[in-house]
């Protein structure tokens, strides 16, 4: 049988590639989960809690900073929040101006 002779030695396989893959998956999961949480919080505050656009945006940014600190996210998280908050604030102001 094939089990009688094998060149395999237990514990000698390199796992560096596996560690990097797992680390990448965990990083994507943490950042993605936090981003989804913010994407749910903002419209919930606006439409569910009848909060104005600007206060809801500020509250969402505060929650985002708390999530960033709690999950030990890097500077890209905060930059991404700012980059996404600026166009959202402009769009919110335009919608509020048109709607009255």
PDB file of N, CA and C in Angstrom:
ATOM      1  N   UNK A   1       0.823  -1.180   0.000  1.00  0.00           N
ATOM      2  CA  UNK A   1       0.000   0.000   0.000  1.00  0.00           C
ATOM      3  C   UNK A   1       0.874   1.252   0.000  1.00  0.00           C
ATOM      4  N   UNK A   2       0.260   2.385  -0.287  1.00  0.00           N
ATOM      5  CA  UNK A   2       0.993   3.636  -0.349  1.00  0.00           C
ATOM      6  C   UNK A   2       1.370   4.143   1.034  1.00  0.00           C
ATOM      7  N   UNK A   3       0.683   3.725   2.052  1.00  0.00           N
ATOM      8  CA  UNK A   3       0.942   4.205   3.401  1.00  0.00           C
ATOM      9  C   UNK A   3       2.238   3.630   3.976  1.00  0.00           C
ATOM     10  N   UNK A   4       2.772   2.613   3.366  1.00  0.00           N
ATOM     11  CA  UNK A   4       3.972   1.980   3.892  1.00  0.00           C
ATOM     12  C   UNK A   4       5.205   2.861   3.723  1.00  0.00           C
ATOM     13  N   UNK A   5       5.299   3.611   2.612  1.00  0.00           N
ATOM     14  CA  UNK A   5       6.479   4.438   2.378  1.00  0.00           C
ATOM     15  C   UNK A   5       6.044   5.840   1.971  1.00  0.00           C
ATOM     16  N   UNK A   6       6.548   6.839   2.702  1.00  0.00           N
ATOM     17  CA  UNK A   6       6.207   8.218   2.401  1.00  0.00           C
ATOM     18  C   UNK A   6       7.376   9.111   2.805  1.00  0.00           C
ATOM     19  N   UNK A   7       7.596  10.161   2.027  1.00  0.00           N
ATOM     20  CA  UNK A   7       8.654  11.116   2.343  1.00  0.00           C
ATOM     21  C   UNK A   7       8.157  12.226   3.273  1.00  0.00           C
ATOM     22  N   UNK A   8       6.916  12.174   3.645  1.00  0.00           N
ATOM     23  CA  UNK A   8       6.330  13.220   4.491  1.00  0.00           C
ATOM     24  C   UNK A   8       6.874  13.139   5.902  1.00  0.00           C
ATOM     25  N   UNK A   9       7.258  14.304   6.428  1.00  0.00           N
ATOM     26  CA  UNK A   9       7.690  14.396   7.820  1.00  0.00           C
ATOM     27  C   UNK A   9       6.775  15.374   8.528  1.00  0.00           C
ATOM     28  N   UNK A  10       6.166  14.923   9.581  1.00  0.00           N
ATOM     29  CA  UNK A  10       5.195  15.737  10.300  1.00  0.00           C
ATOM     30  C   UNK A  10       5.858  17.005  10.866  1.00  0.00           C
ATOM     31  N   UNK A  11       5.180  18.148  10.663  1.00  0.00           N
ATOM     32  CA  UNK A  11       5.644  19.415  11.208  1.00  0.00           C
ATOM     33  C   UNK A  11       6.691  20.135  10.382  1.00  0.00           C
ATOM     34  N   UNK A  12       6.930  19.735   9.153  1.00  0.00           N
ATOM     35  CA  UNK A  12       7.968  20.371   8.348  1.00  0.00           C
ATOM     36  C   UNK A  12       7.407  21.262   7.242  1.00  0.00           C
ATOM     37  N   UNK A  13       6.111  21.291   7.083  1.00  0.00           N
ATOM     38  CA  UNK A  13       5.510  22.094   6.015  1.00  0.00           C
ATOM     39  C   UNK A  13       5.546  23.576   6.394  1.00  0.00           C
ATOM     40  N   UNK A  14       5.937  24.415   5.464  1.00  0.00           N
ATOM     41  CA  UNK A  14       5.951  25.854   5.704  1.00  0.00           C
ATOM     42  C   UNK A  14       4.533  26.398   5.756  1.00  0.00           C
ATOM     43  N   UNK A  15       4.254  27.250   6.722  1.00  0.00           N
ATOM     44  CA  UNK A  15       2.910  27.785   6.882  1.00  0.00           C
ATOM     45  C   UNK A  15       2.874  29.306   6.726  1.00  0.00           C
ATOM     46  N   UNK A  16       3.937  29.904   6.196  1.00  0.00           N
ATOM     47  CA  UNK A  16       3.965  31.358   6.053  1.00  0.00           C
ATOM     48  C   UNK A  16       2.853  31.859   5.147  1.00  0.00           C
ATOM     49  N   UNK A  17       2.626  31.170   4.050  1.00  0.00           N
ATOM     50  CA  UNK A  17       1.549  31.556   3.140  1.00  0.00           C
ATOM     51  C   UNK A  17       0.185  31.463   3.795  1.00  0.00           C
ATOM     52  N   UNK A  18      -0.007  30.450   4.617  1.00  0.00           N
ATOM     53  CA  UNK A  18      -1.278  30.283   5.312  1.00  0.00           C
ATOM     54  C   UNK A  18      -1.494  31.393   6.340  1.00  0.00           C
ATOM     55  N   UNK A  19      -0.428  31.775   7.035  1.00  0.00           N
ATOM     56  CA  UNK A  19      -0.541  32.849   8.019  1.00  0.00           C
ATOM     57  C   UNK A  19      -0.908  34.164   7.355  1.00  0.00           C
ATOM     58  N   UNK A  20      -0.294  34.451   6.217  1.00  0.00           N
ATOM     59  CA  UNK A  20      -0.598  35.694   5.505  1.00  0.00           C
ATOM     60  C   UNK A  20      -2.028  35.689   4.980  1.00  0.00           C
ATOM     61  N   UNK A  21      -2.475  34.547   4.466  1.00  0.00           N
ATOM     62  CA  UNK A  21      -3.838  34.443   3.966  1.00  0.00           C
ATOM     63  C   UNK A  21      -4.840  34.638   5.095  1.00  0.00           C
ATOM     64  N   UNK A  22      -4.605  33.983   6.224  1.00  0.00           N
ATOM     65  CA  UNK A  22      -5.508  34.119   7.361  1.00  0.00           C
ATOM     66  C   UNK A  22      -5.504  35.541   7.891  1.00  0.00           C
ATOM     67  N   UNK A  23      -4.315  36.161   7.968  1.00  0.00           N
ATOM     68  CA  UNK A  23      -4.233  37.547   8.425  1.00  0.00           C
ATOM     69  C   UNK A  23      -4.983  38.502   7.500  1.00  0.00           C
ATOM     70  N   UNK A  24      -4.855  38.283   6.201  1.00  0.00           N
ATOM     71  CA  UNK A  24      -5.591  39.105   5.247  1.00  0.00           C
ATOM     72  C   UNK A  24      -7.090  38.924   5.357  1.00  0.00           C
ATOM     73  N   UNK A  25      -7.511  37.682   5.549  1.00  0.00           N
ATOM     74  CA  UNK A  25      -8.942  37.406   5.698  1.00  0.00           C
ATOM     75  C   UNK A  25      -9.491  38.068   6.959  1.00  0.00           C
ATOM     76  N   UNK A  26      -8.756  37.970   8.061  1.00  0.00           N
ATOM     77  CA  UNK A  26      -9.215  38.576   9.311  1.00  0.00           C
ATOM     78  C   UNK A  26      -9.244  40.101   9.207  1.00  0.00           C
ATOM     79  N   UNK A  27      -8.247  40.686   8.552  1.00  0.00           N
ATOM     80  CA  UNK A  27      -8.243  42.132   8.369  1.00  0.00           C
ATOM     81  C   UNK A  27      -9.421  42.603   7.532  1.00  0.00           C
ATOM     82  N   UNK A  28      -9.692  41.875   6.446  1.00  0.00           N
ATOM     83  CA  UNK A  28     -10.833  42.214   5.600  1.00  0.00           C
ATOM     84  C   UNK A  28     -12.139  42.072   6.364  1.00  0.00           C
ATOM     85  N   UNK A  29     -12.240  41.051   7.177  1.00  0.00           N
ATOM     86  CA  UNK A  29     -13.450  40.833   7.956  1.00  0.00           C
ATOM     87  C   UNK A  29     -13.662  41.949   8.974  1.00  0.00           C
ATOM     88  N   UNK A  30     -12.615  42.368   9.652  1.00  0.00           N
ATOM     89  CA  UNK A  30     -12.741  43.414  10.668  1.00  0.00           C
ATOM     90  C   UNK A  30     -13.104  44.747  10.020  1.00  0.00           C
ATOM     91  N   UNK A  31     -12.354  45.152   8.996  1.00  0.00           N
ATOM     92  CA  UNK A  31     -12.639  46.425   8.328  1.00  0.00           C
ATOM     93  C   UNK A  31     -14.005  46.396   7.638  1.00  0.00           C
ATOM     94  N   UNK A  32     -14.318  45.290   6.984  1.00  0.00           N
ATOM     95  CA  UNK A  32     -15.606  45.172   6.295  1.00  0.00           C
ATOM     96  C   UNK A  32     -16.774  45.190   7.258  1.00  0.00           C
ATOM     97  N   UNK A  33     -16.638  44.483   8.371  1.00  0.00           N
ATOM     98  CA  UNK A  33     -17.708  44.472   9.372  1.00  0.00           C
ATOM     99  C   UNK A  33     -17.936  45.847   9.976  1.00  0.00           C
ATOM    100  N   UNK A  34     -16.856  46.548  10.265  1.00  0.00           N
ATOM    101  CA  UNK A  34     -16.991  47.905  10.815  1.00  0.00           C
ATOM    102  C   UNK A  34     -17.628  48.844   9.793  1.00  0.00           C
ATOM    103  N   UNK A  35     -17.244  48.715   8.534  1.00  0.00           N
ATOM    104  CA  UNK A  35     -17.826  49.572   7.486  1.00  0.00           C
ATOM    105  C   UNK A  35     -19.312  49.271   7.301  1.00  0.00           C
ATOM    106  N   UNK A  36     -19.680  48.009   7.335  1.00  0.00           N
ATOM    107  CA  UNK A  36     -21.099  47.644   7.207  1.00  0.00           C
ATOM    108  C   UNK A  36     -21.889  48.191   8.388  1.00  0.00           C
ATOM    109  N   UNK A  37     -21.298  48.145   9.581  1.00  0.00           N
ATOM    110  CA  UNK A  37     -21.980  48.696  10.756  1.00  0.00           C
ATOM    111  C   UNK A  37     -22.274  50.182  10.567  1.00  0.00           C
ATOM    112  N   UNK A  38     -21.310  50.930  10.035  1.00  0.00           N
ATOM    113  CA  UNK A  38     -21.539  52.359   9.800  1.00  0.00           C
ATOM    114  C   UNK A  38     -22.562  52.587   8.693  1.00  0.00           C
ATOM    115  N   UNK A  39     -22.534  51.734   7.676  1.00  0.00           N
ATOM    116  CA  UNK A  39     -23.509  51.857   6.588  1.00  0.00           C
ATOM    117  C   UNK A  39     -24.929  51.572   7.060  1.00  0.00           C
ATOM    118  N   UNK A  40     -25.073  50.815   8.106  1.00  0.00           N
ATOM    119  CA  UNK A  40     -26.402  50.534   8.656  1.00  0.00           C
ATOM    120  C   UNK A  40     -26.807  51.614   9.656  1.00  0.00           C
ATOM    121  N   UNK A  41     -25.863  52.103  10.435  1.00  0.00           N
ATOM    122  CA  UNK A  41     -26.176  53.090  11.469  1.00  0.00           C
ATOM    123  C   UNK A  41     -26.677  54.403  10.873  1.00  0.00           C
ATOM    124  N   UNK A  42     -26.016  54.895   9.831  1.00  0.00           N
ATOM    125  CA  UNK A  42     -26.386  56.208   9.290  1.00  0.00           C
ATOM    126  C   UNK A  42     -27.838  56.257   8.795  1.00  0.00           C
ATOM    127  N   UNK A  43     -28.260  55.371   7.879  1.00  0.00           N
ATOM    128  CA  UNK A  43     -29.661  55.461   7.442  1.00  0.00           C
ATOM    129  C   UNK A  43     -30.654  55.135   8.555  1.00  0.00           C
ATOM    130  N   UNK A  44     -30.257  54.318   9.522  1.00  0.00           N
ATOM    131  CA  UNK A  44     -31.145  54.023  10.643  1.00  0.00           C
ATOM    132  C   UNK A  44     -31.399  55.277  11.462  1.00  0.00           C
ATOM    133  N   UNK A  45     -30.348  56.067  11.680  1.00  0.00           N
ATOM    134  CA  UNK A  45     -30.521  57.314  12.419  1.00  0.00           C
ATOM    135  C   UNK A  45     -31.354  58.318  11.632  1.00  0.00           C
ATOM    136  N   UNK A  46     -31.134  58.377  10.328  1.00  0.00           N
ATOM    137  CA  UNK A  46     -31.853  59.357   9.509  1.00  0.00           C
ATOM    138  C   UNK A  46     -33.330  58.972   9.371  1.00  0.00           C
ATOM    139  N   UNK A  47     -33.590  57.743   8.967  1.00  0.00           N
ATOM    140  CA  UNK A  47     -34.965  57.354   8.659  1.00  0.00           C
ATOM    141  C   UNK A  47     -35.697  56.700   9.831  1.00  0.00           C
ATOM    142  N   UNK A  48     -34.991  55.977  10.667  1.00  0.00           N
ATOM    143  CA  UNK A  48     -35.645  55.279  11.775  1.00  0.00           C
ATOM    144  C   UNK A  48     -35.809  56.149  13.005  1.00  0.00           C
ATOM    145  N   UNK A  49     -34.805  56.952  13.310  1.00  0.00           N
ATOM    146  CA  UNK A  49     -34.846  57.790  14.509  1.00  0.00           C
ATOM    147  C   UNK A  49     -35.246  59.229  14.179  1.00  0.00           C
ATOM    148  N   UNK A  50     -35.543  59.510  12.929  1.00  0.00           N
ATOM    149  CA  UNK A  50     -35.919  60.850  12.468  1.00  0.00           C
ATOM    150  C   UNK A  50     -34.908  61.914  12.888  1.00  0.00           C
ATOM    151  N   UNK A  51     -33.646  61.558  12.806  1.00  0.00           N
ATOM    152  CA  UNK A  51     -32.574  62.506  13.111  1.00  0.00           C
ATOM    153  C   UNK A  51     -32.213  63.229  11.817  1.00  0.00           C
ATOM    154  N   UNK A  52     -31.781  64.453  11.911  1.00  0.00           N
ATOM    155  CA  UNK A  52     -31.377  65.191  10.720  1.00  0.00           C
ATOM    156  C   UNK A  52     -30.141  64.584  10.090  1.00  0.00           C
ATOM    157  N   UNK A  53     -29.879  64.981   8.845  1.00  0.00           N
ATOM    158  CA  UNK A  53     -28.752  64.416   8.112  1.00  0.00           C
ATOM    159  C   UNK A  53     -27.421  64.723   8.794  1.00  0.00           C
ATOM    160  N   UNK A  54     -27.203  65.973   9.143  1.00  0.00           N
ATOM    161  CA  UNK A  54     -25.923  66.360   9.739  1.00  0.00           C
ATOM    162  C   UNK A  54     -25.712  65.748  11.125  1.00  0.00           C
ATOM    163  N   UNK A  55     -26.699  65.809  12.026  1.00  0.00           N
ATOM    164  CA  UNK A  55     -26.481  65.139  13.322  1.00  0.00           C
ATOM    165  C   UNK A  55     -26.266  63.627  13.181  1.00  0.00           C
ATOM    166  N   UNK A  56     -26.947  63.006  12.236  1.00  0.00           N
ATOM    167  CA  UNK A  56     -26.760  61.571  12.013  1.00  0.00           C
ATOM    168  C   UNK A  56     -25.351  61.294  11.487  1.00  0.00           C
ATOM    169  N   UNK A  57     -24.859  62.164  10.617  1.00  0.00           N
ATOM    170  CA  UNK A  57     -23.500  61.994  10.094  1.00  0.00           C
ATOM    171  C   UNK A  57     -22.471  62.159  11.205  1.00  0.00           C
ATOM    172  N   UNK A  58     -22.662  63.144  12.049  1.00  0.00           N
ATOM    173  CA  UNK A  58     -21.734  63.360  13.161  1.00  0.00           C
ATOM    174  C   UNK A  58     -21.773  62.177  14.129  1.00  0.00           C
ATOM    175  N   UNK A  59     -22.968  61.686  14.442  1.00  0.00           N
ATOM    176  CA  UNK A  59     -23.093  60.530  15.336  1.00  0.00           C
ATOM    177  C   UNK A  59     -22.439  59.293  14.719  1.00  0.00           C
ATOM    178  N   UNK A  60     -22.610  59.117  13.421  1.00  0.00           N
ATOM    179  CA  UNK A  60     -22.000  57.973  12.737  1.00  0.00           C
ATOM    180  C   UNK A  60     -20.481  58.090  12.753  1.00  0.00           C
ATOM    181  N   UNK A  61     -19.954  59.281  12.556  1.00  0.00           N
ATOM    182  CA  UNK A  61     -18.505  59.477  12.613  1.00  0.00           C
ATOM    183  C   UNK A  61     -17.968  59.203  14.013  1.00  0.00           C
ATOM    184  N   UNK A  62     -18.711  59.603  15.031  1.00  0.00           N
ATOM    185  CA  UNK A  62     -18.290  59.320  16.408  1.00  0.00           C
ATOM    186  C   UNK A  62     -18.259  57.819  16.659  1.00  0.00           C
ATOM    187  N   UNK A  63     -19.299  57.121  16.202  1.00  0.00           N
ATOM    188  CA  UNK A  63     -19.325  55.663  16.336  1.00  0.00           C
ATOM    189  C   UNK A  63     -18.163  55.044  15.549  1.00  0.00           C
ATOM    190  N   UNK A  64     -17.853  55.597  14.380  1.00  0.00           N
ATOM    191  CA  UNK A  64     -16.738  55.103  13.583  1.00  0.00           C
ATOM    192  C   UNK A  64     -15.405  55.266  14.280  1.00  0.00           C
ATOM    193  N   UNK A  65     -15.214  56.394  14.952  1.00  0.00           N
ATOM    194  CA  UNK A  65     -13.977  56.609  15.698  1.00  0.00           C
ATOM    195  C   UNK A  65     -13.899  55.637  16.871  1.00  0.00           C
ATOM    196  N   UNK A  66     -15.017  55.436  17.566  1.00  0.00           N
ATOM    197  CA  UNK A  66     -15.041  54.481  18.677  1.00  0.00           C
ATOM    198  C   UNK A  66     -14.728  53.075  18.177  1.00  0.00           C
ATOM    199  N   UNK A  67     -15.314  52.687  17.048  1.00  0.00           N
ATOM    200  CA  UNK A  67     -15.011  51.377  16.466  1.00  0.00           C
ATOM    201  C   UNK A  67     -13.536  51.274  16.086  1.00  0.00           C
ATOM    202  N   UNK A  68     -13.004  52.334  15.509  1.00  0.00           N
ATOM    203  CA  UNK A  68     -11.596  52.336  15.113  1.00  0.00           C
ATOM    204  C   UNK A  68     -10.665  52.149  16.291  1.00  0.00           C
ATOM    205  N   UNK A  69     -10.975  52.822  17.384  1.00  0.00           N
ATOM    206  CA  UNK A  69     -10.137  52.698  18.584  1.00  0.00           C
ATOM    207  C   UNK A  69     -10.318  51.311  19.203  1.00  0.00           C
ATOM    208  N   UNK A  70     -11.563  50.854  19.302  1.00  0.00           N
ATOM    209  CA  UNK A  70     -11.844  49.562  19.936  1.00  0.00           C
ATOM    210  C   UNK A  70     -11.235  48.404  19.156  1.00  0.00           C
ATOM    211  N   UNK A  71     -11.281  48.484  17.824  1.00  0.00           N
ATOM    212  CA  UNK A  71     -10.762  47.393  16.994  1.00  0.00           C
ATOM    213  C   UNK A  71      -9.305  47.608  16.586  1.00  0.00           C
ATOM    214  N   UNK A  72      -8.702  48.698  17.065  1.00  0.00           N
ATOM    215  CA  UNK A  72      -7.300  49.023  16.768  1.00  0.00           C
ATOM    216  C   UNK A  72      -7.040  49.098  15.263  1.00  0.00           C
ATOM    217  N   UNK A  73      -7.926  49.825  14.569  1.00  0.00           N
ATOM    218  CA  UNK A  73      -7.783  49.972  13.130  1.00  0.00           C
ATOM    219  C   UNK A  73      -6.730  51.029  12.824  1.00  0.00           C
ATOM    220  N   UNK A  74      -6.134  50.918  11.660  1.00  0.00           N
ATOM    221  CA  UNK A  74      -5.034  51.809  11.283  1.00  0.00           C
ATOM    222  C   UNK A  74      -5.552  53.132  10.733  1.00  0.00           C
ATOM    223  N   UNK A  75      -4.643  54.024  10.384  1.00  0.00           N
ATOM    224  CA  UNK A  75      -4.987  55.364   9.924  1.00  0.00           C
ATOM    225  C   UNK A  75      -5.827  55.395   8.668  1.00  0.00           C
ATOM    226  N   UNK A  76      -5.731  54.363   7.847  1.00  0.00           N
ATOM    227  CA  UNK A  76      -6.545  54.296   6.643  1.00  0.00           C
ATOM    228  C   UNK A  76      -8.036  54.277   6.954  1.00  0.00           C
ATOM    229  N   UNK A  77      -8.398  53.724   8.098  1.00  0.00           N
ATOM    230  CA  UNK A  77      -9.805  53.690   8.505  1.00  0.00           C
ATOM    231  C   UNK A  77     -10.335  55.113   8.702  1.00  0.00           C
ATOM    232  N   UNK A  78      -9.562  55.931   9.406  1.00  0.00           N
ATOM    233  CA  UNK A  78      -9.988  57.299   9.690  1.00  0.00           C
ATOM    234  C   UNK A  78      -9.968  58.148   8.414  1.00  0.00           C
ATOM    235  N   UNK A  79      -8.984  57.924   7.575  1.00  0.00           N
ATOM    236  CA  UNK A  79      -8.940  58.640   6.294  1.00  0.00           C
ATOM    237  C   UNK A  79     -10.133  58.253   5.433  1.00  0.00           C
ATOM    238  N   UNK A  80     -10.472  56.982   5.421  1.00  0.00           N
ATOM    239  CA  UNK A  80     -11.630  56.526   4.648  1.00  0.00           C
ATOM    240  C   UNK A  80     -12.925  57.111   5.164  1.00  0.00           C
ATOM    241  N   UNK A  81     -13.029  57.257   6.476  1.00  0.00           N
ATOM    242  CA  UNK A  81     -14.247  57.870   7.041  1.00  0.00           C
ATOM    243  C   UNK A  81     -14.366  59.322   6.608  1.00  0.00           C
ATOM    244  N   UNK A  82     -13.258  60.044   6.630  1.00  0.00           N
ATOM    245  CA  UNK A  82     -13.291  61.452   6.229  1.00  0.00           C
ATOM    246  C   UNK A  82     -13.594  61.578   4.741  1.00  0.00           C
ATOM    247  N   UNK A  83     -12.933  60.739   3.925  1.00  0.00           N
ATOM    248  CA  UNK A  83     -13.138  60.795   2.473  1.00  0.00           C
ATOM    249  C   UNK A  83     -14.582  60.474   2.111  1.00  0.00           C
ATOM    250  N   UNK A  84     -15.212  59.573   2.840  1.00  0.00           N
ATOM    251  CA  UNK A  84     -16.606  59.238   2.529  1.00  0.00           C
ATOM    252  C   UNK A  84     -17.587  60.217   3.172  1.00  0.00           C
ATOM    253  N   UNK A  85     -17.199  60.867   4.279  1.00  0.00           N
ATOM    254  CA  UNK A  85     -18.107  61.785   4.962  1.00  0.00           C
ATOM    255  C   UNK A  85     -18.260  63.108   4.222  1.00  0.00           C
ATOM    256  N   UNK A  86     -17.210  63.570   3.556  1.00  0.00           N
ATOM    257  CA  UNK A  86     -17.278  64.869   2.869  1.00  0.00           C
ATOM    258  C   UNK A  86     -18.310  64.852   1.732  1.00  0.00           C
ATOM    259  N   UNK A  87     -18.259  63.894   0.788  1.00  0.00           N
ATOM    260  CA  UNK A  87     -19.296  63.896  -0.255  1.00  0.00           C
ATOM    261  C   UNK A  87     -20.696  63.623   0.304  1.00  0.00           C
ATOM    262  N   UNK A  88     -20.764  62.817   1.363  1.00  0.00           N
ATOM    263  CA  UNK A  88     -22.061  62.553   1.973  1.00  0.00           C
ATOM    264  C   UNK A  88     -22.632  63.813   2.596  1.00  0.00           C
ATOM    265  N   UNK A  89     -21.793  64.620   3.228  1.00  0.00           N
ATOM    266  CA  UNK A  89     -22.250  65.877   3.813  1.00  0.00           C
ATOM    267  C   UNK A  89     -22.710  66.852   2.726  1.00  0.00           C
ATOM    268  N   UNK A  90     -21.967  66.895   1.614  1.00  0.00           N
ATOM    269  CA  UNK A  90     -22.365  67.787   0.516  1.00  0.00           C
ATOM    270  C   UNK A  90     -23.689  67.323  -0.094  1.00  0.00           C
ATOM    271  N   UNK A  91     -23.824  66.019  -0.325  1.00  0.00           N
ATOM    272  CA  UNK A  91     -25.066  65.493  -0.883  1.00  0.00           C
ATOM    273  C   UNK A  91     -26.236  65.711   0.077  1.00  0.00           C
ATOM    274  N   UNK A  92     -25.985  65.523   1.363  1.00  0.00           N
ATOM    275  CA  UNK A  92     -27.029  65.736   2.362  1.00  0.00           C
ATOM    276  C   UNK A  92     -27.473  67.189   2.386  1.00  0.00           C
ATOM    277  N   UNK A  93     -26.530  68.117   2.282  1.00  0.00           N
ATOM    278  CA  UNK A  93     -26.872  69.544   2.256  1.00  0.00           C
ATOM    279  C   UNK A  93     -27.688  69.898   1.021  1.00  0.00           C
ATOM    280  N   UNK A  94     -27.312  69.307  -0.111  1.00  0.00           N
ATOM    281  CA  UNK A  94     -28.072  69.562  -1.346  1.00  0.00           C
ATOM    282  C   UNK A  94     -29.494  68.993  -1.251  1.00  0.00           C
ATOM    283  N   UNK A  95     -29.609  67.791  -0.720  1.00  0.00           N
ATOM    284  CA  UNK A  95     -30.951  67.198  -0.570  1.00  0.00           C
ATOM    285  C   UNK A  95     -31.801  68.006   0.389  1.00  0.00           C
ATOM    286  N   UNK A  96     -31.196  68.454   1.503  1.00  0.00           N
ATOM    287  CA  UNK A  96     -31.939  69.267   2.464  1.00  0.00           C
ATOM    288  C   UNK A  96     -32.348  70.609   1.848  1.00  0.00           C
ATOM    289  N   UNK A  97     -31.503  71.191   1.016  1.00  0.00           N
ATOM    290  CA  UNK A  97     -31.825  72.469   0.377  1.00  0.00           C
ATOM    291  C   UNK A  97     -32.948  72.301  -0.644  1.00  0.00           C
ATOM    292  N   UNK A  98     -32.938  71.200  -1.378  1.00  0.00           N
ATOM    293  CA  UNK A  98     -33.977  70.968  -2.389  1.00  0.00           C
ATOM    294  C   UNK A  98     -35.289  70.601  -1.724  1.00  0.00           C
ATOM    295  N   UNK A  99     -35.195  69.768  -0.706  1.00  0.00           N
ATOM    296  CA  UNK A  99     -36.419  69.279  -0.051  1.00  0.00           C
ATOM    297  C   UNK A  99     -37.081  70.366   0.769  1.00  0.00           C
ATOM    298  N   UNK A 100     -36.314  71.253   1.305  1.00  0.00           N
ATOM    299  CA  UNK A 100     -36.868  72.377   2.033  1.00  0.00           C
ATOM    300  C   UNK A 100     -36.753  72.177   3.466  1.00  0.00           C
TER     301      UNK A 100
END
